Amino acid sequence: MGTRKKDYTIEFNKLRFGVNEDTFVIDEIFLGDFEYSPIKKANVAVTLKLDKSENIYDLKFHFEGNVSTVCDTCAEEIDIQISEEFEMLMKLSEVNNFEDFEIIYIARTEIEFDLRQYLYESLLLAVPQRKNCSELANPKSCNPEVLKLLAQAENIENEDTKGDESDSTDPRWNKLKDLLN
């Protein structure tokens, strides 16, 4: 299982000077290559505009589609719309160097570059950090049964901590509080 490497590869010898365009699809098959991915389902089209000059490749990616993930509150599966743009610069060099965060240096002897890792990481960055049912394009309420269980667990935890606080207050903290006054 997995994607074919050539599907997500830039072949330098096939590029012409000026703007080159390509499209990629990020879906379940693509995500299957990343074993511990928090995203298992997606339907995202990636448009690449690559501007080739003498020594630099300027890549502009546009991600458009949706990603299935779980709500952070109730763990229901939700679809999140993605619409993001990312850029990457590649510069021809004598040796490969991937340590610079802004520019990737590619050896002149390289004939191709695999984009899979970059596309995957960009997809993860495109997904909002906070994923909640109420923050979707078409908001809905979280699963009421899960919310009820969470409220019960929070009440039990609050009761436990109230009893612990009164019994185990360290007198040194009281001395420190006196210093503030």
Protein backbone atom coordinates (compact mmCIF):
# COMPACT_ATOMS: atom_id res chain seq x y z
CA MET A 1 0.00 0.00 0.00
CA GLY A 2 1.09 3.59 -0.42
CA THR A 3 1.66 6.16 -3.07
CA ARG A 4 3.94 5.93 -6.02
CA LYS A 5 6.96 8.11 -5.41
CA LYS A 6 6.83 9.57 -8.95
CA ASP A 7 3.34 10.98 -8.32
CA TYR A 8 4.75 13.55 -5.88
CA THR A 9 8.14 14.22 -7.46
CA ILE A 10 9.55 17.25 -9.23
CA GLU A 11 11.69 16.11 -12.15
CA PHE A 12 14.11 18.95 -12.78
CA ASN A 13 15.05 17.87 -16.30
CA LYS A 14 11.39 18.18 -17.43
CA LEU A 15 10.95 21.77 -16.23
CA ARG A 16 11.10 24.69 -18.63
CA PHE A 17 12.23 28.20 -17.68
CA GLY A 18 9.38 30.32 -16.38
CA VAL A 19 6.21 29.11 -14.70
CA ASN A 20 5.44 25.38 -14.57
CA GLU A 21 2.19 24.07 -13.09
CA ASP A 22 1.31 20.75 -11.55
CA THR A 23 -1.42 19.33 -9.33
CA PHE A 24 -1.36 16.73 -6.59
CA VAL A 25 -4.07 14.99 -4.60
CA ILE A 26 -3.78 14.31 -0.90
CA ASP A 27 -6.12 11.48 0.03
CA GLU A 28 -6.25 8.33 2.17
CA ILE A 29 -3.72 6.57 -0.04
CA PHE A 30 -1.22 9.43 0.35
CA LEU A 31 -1.80 9.60 4.13
CA GLY A 32 -1.28 5.83 4.37
CA ASP A 33 2.46 6.44 3.90
CA PHE A 34 2.56 8.29 7.23
CA GLU A 35 1.96 5.66 9.89
CA TYR A 36 1.22 7.91 12.88
CA SER A 37 -0.67 10.63 11.04
CA PRO A 38 -3.41 12.33 13.09
CA ILE A 39 -5.34 12.68 9.82
CA LYS A 40 -6.56 9.49 8.17
CA LYS A 41 -9.00 10.88 5.56
CA ALA A 42 -8.59 13.83 3.25
CA ASN A 43 -9.60 15.11 -0.14
CA VAL A 44 -7.26 18.01 -0.80
CA ALA A 45 -6.15 19.27 -4.20
CA VAL A 46 -2.73 20.90 -4.22
CA THR A 47 -1.87 23.26 -7.05
CA LEU A 48 1.82 23.94 -7.55
CA LYS A 49 3.15 26.91 -9.49
CA LEU A 50 6.88 26.50 -9.90
CA ASP A 51 8.83 29.41 -11.35
CA LYS A 52 12.17 28.20 -12.70
CA SER A 53 15.04 30.64 -13.21
CA GLU A 54 18.77 30.11 -13.72
CA ASN A 55 19.60 28.93 -10.16
CA ILE A 56 16.33 29.17 -8.20
CA TYR A 57 13.04 27.33 -8.14
CA ASP A 58 10.25 29.37 -6.54
CA LEU A 59 7.42 27.03 -5.51
CA LYS A 60 3.96 28.27 -4.53
CA PHE A 61 1.46 25.70 -3.24
CA HIS A 62 -2.28 26.19 -2.88
CA PHE A 63 -4.16 23.62 -0.76
CA GLU A 64 -7.94 23.39 -1.29
CA GLY A 65 -10.28 20.70 0.02
CA ASN A 66 -11.40 19.05 3.21
CA VAL A 67 -9.88 16.92 5.94
CA SER A 68 -11.68 14.49 8.25
CA THR A 69 -10.52 14.62 11.84
CA VAL A 70 -12.07 14.42 15.30
CA CYS A 71 -13.52 17.19 17.44
CA ASP A 72 -11.22 18.06 20.35
CA THR A 73 -14.19 18.23 22.73
CA CYS A 74 -16.50 15.32 21.89
CA ALA A 75 -14.33 13.13 19.59
CA GLU A 76 -16.98 13.09 16.84
CA GLU A 77 -15.63 12.88 13.30
CA ILE A 78 -15.82 16.27 11.59
CA ASP A 79 -14.87 17.62 8.16
CA ILE A 80 -12.72 20.75 8.13
CA GLN A 81 -12.38 22.91 5.04
CA ILE A 82 -8.78 23.68 4.04
CA SER A 83 -7.71 26.67 1.95
CA GLU A 84 -4.06 27.58 2.52
CA GLU A 85 -1.02 28.73 0.61
CA PHE A 86 2.61 27.82 1.24
CA GLU A 87 5.85 28.80 -0.43
CA MET A 88 9.23 27.14 -0.76
CA LEU A 89 12.48 28.26 -2.40
CA MET A 90 14.97 25.81 -3.84
CA LYS A 91 18.40 27.01 -4.88
CA LEU A 92 20.91 25.08 -6.91
CA SER A 93 24.13 24.48 -4.98
CA GLU A 94 27.17 22.25 -4.94
CA VAL A 95 25.72 19.99 -2.21
CA ASN A 96 22.29 19.24 -0.74
CA ASN A 97 21.46 21.20 2.39
CA PHE A 98 18.05 20.94 4.05
CA GLU A 99 18.94 22.73 7.31
CA ASP A 100 17.91 26.26 6.28
CA PHE A 101 14.24 26.93 7.12
CA GLU A 102 13.72 29.34 4.23
CA ILE A 103 15.70 27.86 1.35
CA ILE A 104 16.40 24.27 0.36
CA TYR A 105 19.75 23.89 -1.36
CA ILE A 106 19.74 21.23 -4.05
CA ALA A 107 22.89 19.81 -5.63
CA ARG A 108 23.14 20.53 -9.35
CA THR A 109 23.53 16.78 -9.93
CA GLU A 110 20.05 16.00 -8.52
CA ILE A 111 17.49 15.08 -11.14
CA GLU A 112 14.38 14.98 -8.92
CA PHE A 113 12.98 16.06 -5.57
CA ASP A 114 10.33 14.17 -3.58
CA LEU A 115 7.61 16.50 -2.25
CA ARG A 116 5.69 13.99 -0.12
CA GLN A 117 7.14 15.02 3.26
CA TYR A 118 6.72 18.73 2.51
CA LEU A 119 3.11 18.24 1.35
CA TYR A 120 2.29 16.17 4.44
CA GLU A 121 3.78 18.72 6.85
CA SER A 122 2.06 21.59 5.04
CA LEU A 123 -1.26 19.77 5.29
CA LEU A 124 -0.79 19.39 9.04
CA LEU A 125 -0.06 23.12 9.30
CA ALA A 126 -3.18 23.92 7.26
CA VAL A 127 -5.45 22.13 9.75
CA PRO A 128 -6.54 24.49 12.55
CA GLN A 129 -4.89 23.83 15.86
CA ARG A 130 -8.26 23.85 17.61
CA LYS A 131 -10.82 21.54 16.04
CA ASN A 132 -14.34 21.89 17.40
CA CYS A 133 -17.84 21.13 16.12
CA SER A 134 -19.00 24.68 16.84
CA GLU A 135 -16.18 26.24 14.79
CA LEU A 136 -16.98 24.51 11.49
CA ALA A 137 -18.21 26.29 8.35
CA ASN A 138 -21.62 24.78 9.19
CA PRO A 139 -21.49 24.71 13.00
CA LYS A 140 -23.17 21.91 14.88
CA SER A 141 -23.37 20.98 18.53
CA CYS A 142 -21.06 18.50 20.12
CA ASN A 143 -22.33 15.06 21.04
CA PRO A 144 -24.56 15.70 24.12
CA GLU A 145 -23.84 12.28 25.65
CA VAL A 146 -20.09 12.92 25.61
CA LEU A 147 -20.56 16.44 27.03
CA LYS A 148 -22.68 14.97 29.87
CA LEU A 149 -19.97 12.40 30.70
CA LEU A 150 -17.29 15.11 30.62
CA ALA A 151 -19.32 17.28 33.00
CA GLN A 152 -19.75 14.35 35.40
CA ALA A 153 -16.03 13.59 35.31
CA GLU A 154 -15.22 17.26 35.94
CA ASN A 155 -17.58 17.38 38.94
CA ILE A 156 -15.98 14.28 40.43
CA GLU A 157 -12.52 15.73 39.88
CA ASN A 158 -13.52 19.07 41.46
CA GLU A 159 -14.89 17.29 44.54
CA ASP A 160 -11.66 15.31 44.89
CA THR A 161 -9.44 18.39 44.62
CA LYS A 162 -11.52 20.40 47.12
CA GLY A 163 -10.95 17.75 49.75
CA ASP A 164 -7.25 17.53 48.95
CA GLU A 165 -6.69 21.29 49.08
CA SER A 166 -7.94 21.77 52.61
CA ASP A 167 -6.00 18.79 53.97
CA SER A 168 -2.67 19.25 52.26
CA THR A 169 -1.92 22.98 52.22
CA ASP A 170 1.79 23.40 52.76
CA PRO A 171 2.48 26.09 55.38
CA ARG A 172 5.45 27.35 53.36
CA TRP A 173 3.03 28.57 50.67
CA ASN A 174 1.21 30.66 53.26
CA LYS A 175 4.52 32.33 54.22
CA LEU A 176 5.18 33.11 50.55
CA LYS A 177 1.70 34.59 50.17
CA ASP A 178 2.43 36.89 53.11
CA LEU A 179 5.44 38.28 51.20
CA LEU A 180 3.12 39.54 48.43
CA ASN A 181 1.18 41.73 50.90
